[in-house]
N, C-alpha and C. Protein backbone atom coordinates (compact mmCIF):
# COMPACT_ATOMS: atom_id res chain seq x y z
N UNK A 1 -14.55 11.95 67.73
CA UNK A 1 -14.35 11.95 69.16
C UNK A 1 -14.29 13.41 69.62
N UNK A 2 -14.97 13.68 70.71
CA UNK A 2 -15.00 15.03 71.26
C UNK A 2 -14.30 15.01 72.62
N UNK A 3 -13.31 15.88 72.79
CA UNK A 3 -12.59 15.99 74.06
C UNK A 3 -13.09 17.22 74.80
N UNK A 4 -13.48 17.02 76.06
CA UNK A 4 -14.00 18.10 76.89
C UNK A 4 -13.24 18.09 78.21
N UNK A 5 -12.65 19.22 78.55
CA UNK A 5 -11.89 19.30 79.80
C UNK A 5 -12.48 20.30 80.78
N UNK A 6 -13.27 21.25 80.28
CA UNK A 6 -13.80 22.32 81.13
C UNK A 6 -15.29 22.54 80.86
N UNK A 7 -15.98 23.07 81.85
CA UNK A 7 -17.42 23.33 81.73
C UNK A 7 -17.70 24.22 80.53
N UNK A 8 -16.87 25.23 80.30
CA UNK A 8 -17.12 26.17 79.20
C UNK A 8 -17.13 25.46 77.84
N UNK A 9 -16.54 24.29 77.75
CA UNK A 9 -16.49 23.54 76.49
C UNK A 9 -17.76 22.72 76.25
N UNK A 10 -18.68 22.75 77.19
CA UNK A 10 -19.91 21.96 77.04
C UNK A 10 -20.99 22.70 76.26
N UNK A 11 -20.80 23.98 76.04
CA UNK A 11 -21.80 24.76 75.31
C UNK A 11 -21.86 24.31 73.86
N UNK A 12 -23.06 24.14 73.36
CA UNK A 12 -23.26 23.81 71.96
C UNK A 12 -23.04 22.35 71.60
N UNK A 13 -22.92 21.48 72.59
CA UNK A 13 -22.77 20.06 72.28
C UNK A 13 -24.05 19.53 71.65
N UNK A 14 -23.92 18.81 70.57
CA UNK A 14 -25.08 18.24 69.88
C UNK A 14 -25.30 16.81 70.37
N UNK A 15 -25.69 16.71 71.64
CA UNK A 15 -25.92 15.43 72.30
C UNK A 15 -27.22 15.53 73.09
N UNK A 16 -27.82 14.40 73.45
CA UNK A 16 -29.03 14.45 74.26
C UNK A 16 -28.80 15.22 75.56
N UNK A 17 -29.84 15.89 76.02
CA UNK A 17 -29.79 16.72 77.22
C UNK A 17 -29.26 15.95 78.43
N UNK A 18 -29.68 14.71 78.58
CA UNK A 18 -29.25 13.90 79.72
C UNK A 18 -27.74 13.64 79.68
N UNK A 19 -27.21 13.45 78.49
CA UNK A 19 -25.78 13.20 78.31
C UNK A 19 -25.00 14.49 78.60
N UNK A 20 -25.47 15.60 78.08
CA UNK A 20 -24.82 16.89 78.33
C UNK A 20 -24.80 17.18 79.83
N UNK A 21 -25.88 16.86 80.52
CA UNK A 21 -25.93 17.08 81.97
C UNK A 21 -24.84 16.31 82.71
N UNK A 22 -24.62 15.06 82.33
CA UNK A 22 -23.56 14.25 82.95
C UNK A 22 -22.19 14.85 82.64
N UNK A 23 -21.98 15.25 81.40
CA UNK A 23 -20.70 15.85 80.99
C UNK A 23 -20.45 17.14 81.76
N UNK A 24 -21.47 17.99 81.88
CA UNK A 24 -21.33 19.24 82.63
C UNK A 24 -20.96 18.97 84.09
N UNK A 25 -21.59 17.97 84.69
CA UNK A 25 -21.29 17.63 86.08
C UNK A 25 -19.83 17.21 86.23
N UNK A 26 -19.37 16.30 85.38
CA UNK A 26 -17.99 15.82 85.46
C UNK A 26 -17.01 16.97 85.24
N UNK A 27 -17.27 17.80 84.23
CA UNK A 27 -16.39 18.94 83.94
C UNK A 27 -16.36 19.93 85.10
N UNK A 28 -17.49 20.13 85.75
CA UNK A 28 -17.55 21.03 86.91
C UNK A 28 -16.69 20.49 88.05
N UNK A 29 -16.78 19.20 88.32
CA UNK A 29 -15.95 18.59 89.36
C UNK A 29 -14.47 18.76 89.02
N UNK A 30 -14.09 18.48 87.79
CA UNK A 30 -12.69 18.63 87.38
C UNK A 30 -12.21 20.07 87.53
N UNK A 31 -13.02 21.04 87.08
CA UNK A 31 -12.64 22.45 87.20
C UNK A 31 -12.53 22.88 88.66
N UNK A 32 -13.49 22.46 89.49
CA UNK A 32 -13.48 22.86 90.90
C UNK A 32 -12.34 22.22 91.68
N UNK A 33 -12.05 20.96 91.42
CA UNK A 33 -11.04 20.24 92.20
C UNK A 33 -9.62 20.44 91.69
N UNK A 34 -9.46 20.61 90.38
CA UNK A 34 -8.11 20.67 89.80
C UNK A 34 -7.80 22.00 89.12
N UNK A 35 -8.79 22.88 89.01
CA UNK A 35 -8.57 24.21 88.45
C UNK A 35 -8.87 24.30 86.96
N UNK A 36 -9.36 25.47 86.58
CA UNK A 36 -9.68 25.70 85.17
C UNK A 36 -8.43 25.91 84.33
N UNK A 37 -7.31 26.22 84.98
CA UNK A 37 -6.07 26.47 84.23
C UNK A 37 -5.11 25.28 84.28
N UNK A 38 -5.61 24.11 84.62
CA UNK A 38 -4.76 22.93 84.72
C UNK A 38 -4.27 22.47 83.35
N UNK A 39 -3.19 21.72 83.34
CA UNK A 39 -2.68 21.07 82.13
C UNK A 39 -3.51 19.80 81.96
N UNK A 40 -4.48 19.83 81.06
CA UNK A 40 -5.44 18.73 80.96
C UNK A 40 -4.82 17.44 80.43
N UNK A 41 -3.70 17.54 79.75
CA UNK A 41 -3.07 16.33 79.21
C UNK A 41 -1.96 15.78 80.10
N UNK A 42 -1.29 16.65 80.84
CA UNK A 42 -0.15 16.18 81.62
C UNK A 42 -0.24 16.40 83.11
N UNK A 43 -1.22 17.17 83.55
CA UNK A 43 -1.34 17.45 84.97
C UNK A 43 -2.38 16.56 85.63
N UNK A 44 -2.75 16.94 86.83
CA UNK A 44 -3.77 16.19 87.57
C UNK A 44 -5.16 16.51 87.03
N UNK A 45 -6.08 15.62 87.28
CA UNK A 45 -7.47 15.83 86.89
C UNK A 45 -7.93 14.85 85.84
N UNK A 46 -7.93 15.30 84.61
CA UNK A 46 -8.37 14.45 83.51
C UNK A 46 -9.33 15.19 82.61
N UNK A 47 -10.10 14.43 81.86
CA UNK A 47 -11.05 15.02 80.92
C UNK A 47 -12.09 13.99 80.50
N UNK A 48 -12.99 14.41 79.64
CA UNK A 48 -14.08 13.57 79.15
C UNK A 48 -13.87 13.37 77.65
N UNK A 49 -14.08 12.16 77.19
CA UNK A 49 -14.08 11.87 75.75
C UNK A 49 -15.44 11.33 75.36
N UNK A 50 -16.07 11.99 74.40
CA UNK A 50 -17.32 11.49 73.84
C UNK A 50 -16.95 10.71 72.59
N UNK A 51 -17.25 9.43 72.61
CA UNK A 51 -16.94 8.55 71.49
C UNK A 51 -18.24 8.30 70.75
N UNK A 52 -18.26 8.70 69.48
CA UNK A 52 -19.49 8.60 68.71
C UNK A 52 -19.54 7.38 67.80
N UNK A 53 -18.37 6.86 67.43
CA UNK A 53 -18.30 5.75 66.49
C UNK A 53 -17.29 4.72 66.97
N UNK A 54 -17.58 3.46 66.73
CA UNK A 54 -16.72 2.37 67.19
C UNK A 54 -15.31 2.46 66.60
N UNK A 55 -15.17 2.99 65.39
CA UNK A 55 -13.84 3.08 64.79
C UNK A 55 -12.93 4.07 65.51
N UNK A 56 -13.48 4.86 66.42
CA UNK A 56 -12.67 5.78 67.22
C UNK A 56 -11.93 5.06 68.35
N UNK A 57 -12.30 3.81 68.64
CA UNK A 57 -11.62 3.04 69.69
C UNK A 57 -10.12 2.94 69.41
N UNK A 58 -9.74 2.82 68.15
CA UNK A 58 -8.34 2.68 67.79
C UNK A 58 -7.52 3.91 68.23
N UNK A 59 -8.12 5.10 68.14
CA UNK A 59 -7.44 6.34 68.55
C UNK A 59 -7.16 6.36 70.05
N UNK A 60 -7.95 5.62 70.83
CA UNK A 60 -7.75 5.60 72.27
C UNK A 60 -6.42 4.96 72.65
N UNK A 61 -5.90 4.12 71.80
CA UNK A 61 -4.61 3.48 72.09
C UNK A 61 -3.49 4.51 72.19
N UNK A 62 -3.66 5.67 71.56
CA UNK A 62 -2.67 6.75 71.66
C UNK A 62 -2.55 7.27 73.08
N UNK A 63 -3.61 7.09 73.88
CA UNK A 63 -3.57 7.51 75.28
C UNK A 63 -3.61 6.30 76.21
N UNK A 64 -3.16 5.17 75.69
CA UNK A 64 -2.98 3.93 76.46
C UNK A 64 -4.28 3.33 76.99
N UNK A 65 -5.35 3.51 76.24
CA UNK A 65 -6.61 2.85 76.56
C UNK A 65 -6.92 1.88 75.43
N UNK A 66 -6.91 0.60 75.74
CA UNK A 66 -7.24 -0.43 74.77
C UNK A 66 -8.62 -0.98 75.13
N UNK A 67 -9.59 -0.72 74.30
CA UNK A 67 -10.96 -1.11 74.61
C UNK A 67 -11.15 -2.62 74.70
N UNK A 68 -10.19 -3.39 74.23
CA UNK A 68 -10.29 -4.85 74.33
C UNK A 68 -10.02 -5.35 75.74
N UNK A 69 -9.25 -4.58 76.52
CA UNK A 69 -8.94 -5.05 77.87
C UNK A 69 -9.01 -3.95 78.94
N UNK A 70 -9.68 -2.87 78.63
CA UNK A 70 -9.79 -1.76 79.58
C UNK A 70 -10.56 -2.20 80.83
N UNK A 71 -10.13 -1.69 81.96
CA UNK A 71 -10.82 -1.94 83.23
C UNK A 71 -11.35 -0.59 83.73
N UNK A 72 -12.65 -0.51 83.90
CA UNK A 72 -13.27 0.72 84.36
C UNK A 72 -13.45 0.70 85.87
N UNK A 73 -13.26 1.85 86.48
CA UNK A 73 -13.54 2.00 87.91
C UNK A 73 -15.04 1.80 88.14
N UNK A 74 -15.84 2.40 87.26
CA UNK A 74 -17.28 2.17 87.27
C UNK A 74 -17.84 2.46 85.88
N UNK A 75 -19.02 1.94 85.63
CA UNK A 75 -19.74 2.20 84.38
C UNK A 75 -21.18 2.56 84.77
N UNK A 76 -21.61 3.74 84.36
CA UNK A 76 -22.98 4.18 84.61
C UNK A 76 -23.77 4.20 83.31
N UNK A 77 -25.04 3.88 83.41
CA UNK A 77 -25.95 3.99 82.28
C UNK A 77 -26.58 5.37 82.32
N UNK A 78 -26.55 6.08 81.21
CA UNK A 78 -27.21 7.38 81.10
C UNK A 78 -28.49 7.16 80.30
N UNK A 79 -29.62 7.19 81.00
CA UNK A 79 -30.92 6.98 80.36
C UNK A 79 -31.32 8.24 79.59
N UNK A 80 -31.66 8.06 78.33
CA UNK A 80 -32.06 9.16 77.46
C UNK A 80 -33.54 9.00 77.14
N UNK A 81 -34.31 10.03 77.39
CA UNK A 81 -35.76 9.97 77.21
C UNK A 81 -36.15 9.76 75.75
N UNK A 82 -35.62 10.56 74.87
CA UNK A 82 -35.99 10.48 73.45
C UNK A 82 -34.76 10.15 72.61
N UNK A 83 -34.32 8.91 72.68
CA UNK A 83 -33.16 8.52 71.89
C UNK A 83 -32.42 7.37 72.54
N UNK A 84 -31.24 7.12 72.01
CA UNK A 84 -30.43 6.01 72.48
C UNK A 84 -29.76 6.32 73.81
N UNK A 85 -29.73 5.33 74.70
CA UNK A 85 -29.02 5.48 75.97
C UNK A 85 -27.52 5.50 75.73
N UNK A 86 -26.80 6.08 76.69
CA UNK A 86 -25.34 6.18 76.64
C UNK A 86 -24.76 5.53 77.90
N UNK A 87 -23.45 5.33 77.88
CA UNK A 87 -22.74 4.89 79.07
C UNK A 87 -21.66 5.90 79.41
N UNK A 88 -21.30 5.94 80.69
CA UNK A 88 -20.19 6.74 81.19
C UNK A 88 -19.27 5.78 81.93
N UNK A 89 -18.07 5.58 81.39
CA UNK A 89 -17.10 4.66 81.98
C UNK A 89 -15.90 5.46 82.48
N UNK A 90 -15.62 5.36 83.78
CA UNK A 90 -14.47 6.08 84.35
C UNK A 90 -13.24 5.19 84.27
N UNK A 91 -12.22 5.69 83.55
CA UNK A 91 -10.96 4.97 83.39
C UNK A 91 -9.89 5.74 84.15
N UNK A 92 -9.37 5.15 85.21
CA UNK A 92 -8.33 5.80 86.02
C UNK A 92 -6.97 5.40 85.46
N UNK A 93 -6.19 6.41 85.06
CA UNK A 93 -4.88 6.14 84.48
C UNK A 93 -3.75 6.26 85.49
N UNK A 94 -3.94 7.07 86.53
CA UNK A 94 -3.03 7.10 87.67
C UNK A 94 -3.77 7.71 88.86
N UNK A 95 -3.08 7.91 89.96
CA UNK A 95 -3.75 8.35 91.19
C UNK A 95 -4.59 9.61 91.04
N UNK A 96 -4.15 10.54 90.21
CA UNK A 96 -4.83 11.82 90.09
C UNK A 96 -5.23 12.16 88.66
N UNK A 97 -5.41 11.15 87.81
CA UNK A 97 -5.77 11.43 86.42
C UNK A 97 -6.71 10.35 85.90
N UNK A 98 -7.86 10.79 85.42
CA UNK A 98 -8.86 9.84 84.91
C UNK A 98 -9.53 10.41 83.66
N UNK A 99 -10.06 9.51 82.87
CA UNK A 99 -10.79 9.90 81.67
C UNK A 99 -12.17 9.25 81.74
N UNK A 100 -13.20 10.06 81.54
CA UNK A 100 -14.56 9.54 81.45
C UNK A 100 -14.88 9.32 79.98
N UNK A 101 -15.21 8.09 79.64
CA UNK A 101 -15.58 7.75 78.27
C UNK A 101 -17.09 7.71 78.16
N UNK A 102 -17.65 8.60 77.37
CA UNK A 102 -19.09 8.69 77.16
C UNK A 102 -19.36 8.16 75.75
N UNK A 103 -20.25 7.16 75.65
CA UNK A 103 -20.54 6.60 74.33
C UNK A 103 -21.94 5.99 74.30
N UNK A 104 -22.51 5.88 73.10
CA UNK A 104 -23.81 5.21 72.99
C UNK A 104 -23.71 3.75 73.43
N UNK A 105 -24.78 3.24 74.02
CA UNK A 105 -24.81 1.84 74.45
C UNK A 105 -24.48 0.91 73.28
N UNK A 106 -24.96 1.24 72.10
CA UNK A 106 -24.78 0.36 70.93
C UNK A 106 -23.32 0.07 70.61
N UNK A 107 -22.40 0.98 70.96
CA UNK A 107 -20.99 0.73 70.67
C UNK A 107 -20.17 0.43 71.92
N UNK A 108 -20.80 0.47 73.08
CA UNK A 108 -20.09 0.17 74.32
C UNK A 108 -19.71 -1.31 74.34
N UNK A 109 -18.42 -1.61 74.57
CA UNK A 109 -18.00 -3.02 74.61
C UNK A 109 -18.78 -3.81 75.67
N UNK A 110 -19.04 -5.07 75.36
CA UNK A 110 -19.81 -5.94 76.25
C UNK A 110 -19.21 -6.00 77.65
N UNK A 111 -17.88 -6.05 77.74
CA UNK A 111 -17.27 -6.15 79.07
C UNK A 111 -17.59 -4.93 79.94
N UNK A 112 -17.76 -3.76 79.33
CA UNK A 112 -18.16 -2.58 80.10
C UNK A 112 -19.65 -2.63 80.43
N UNK A 113 -20.46 -3.08 79.49
CA UNK A 113 -21.89 -3.23 79.77
C UNK A 113 -22.12 -4.22 80.90
N UNK A 114 -21.32 -5.27 80.96
CA UNK A 114 -21.44 -6.25 82.04
C UNK A 114 -21.17 -5.62 83.40
N UNK A 115 -20.35 -4.58 83.45
CA UNK A 115 -20.07 -3.88 84.71
C UNK A 115 -21.33 -3.20 85.24
N UNK A 116 -22.18 -2.71 84.35
CA UNK A 116 -23.44 -2.11 84.77
C UNK A 116 -24.30 -3.16 85.44
N UNK A 117 -24.42 -4.33 84.82
CA UNK A 117 -25.25 -5.40 85.36
C UNK A 117 -24.74 -5.90 86.70
N UNK A 118 -23.44 -5.89 86.91
CA UNK A 118 -22.87 -6.35 88.17
C UNK A 118 -23.25 -5.42 89.31
N UNK A 119 -23.48 -4.14 89.00
CA UNK A 119 -23.77 -3.16 90.04
C UNK A 119 -25.25 -3.03 90.32
N UNK A 120 -26.10 -3.60 89.48
CA UNK A 120 -27.55 -3.49 89.68
C UNK A 120 -28.01 -4.34 90.84
């Protein structure tokens, strides 16, 4: 699992260009709106988690995200030209704190994938 809170942390990511672009955009919004010196774990704003393997879902419970019953504010499909598509699921934990979960479609839970279809 890769945790990204600031734009400067997006350099050198070994992910498809389209995925890195989405991560850079989210990190830019967080830095601009909540500051680059924010407390990323306890303050306002949030961060991005790139989940590469399904067994990492268990670690999410440490931050009170249970993939069996998580409710996303939205789920976007990230189309990748040369490779597997990804999803971006925004999980709001309180009024001013959210986590974007970025993961390959192959490991994205069905209930989150269904959210994409509902919005089409």
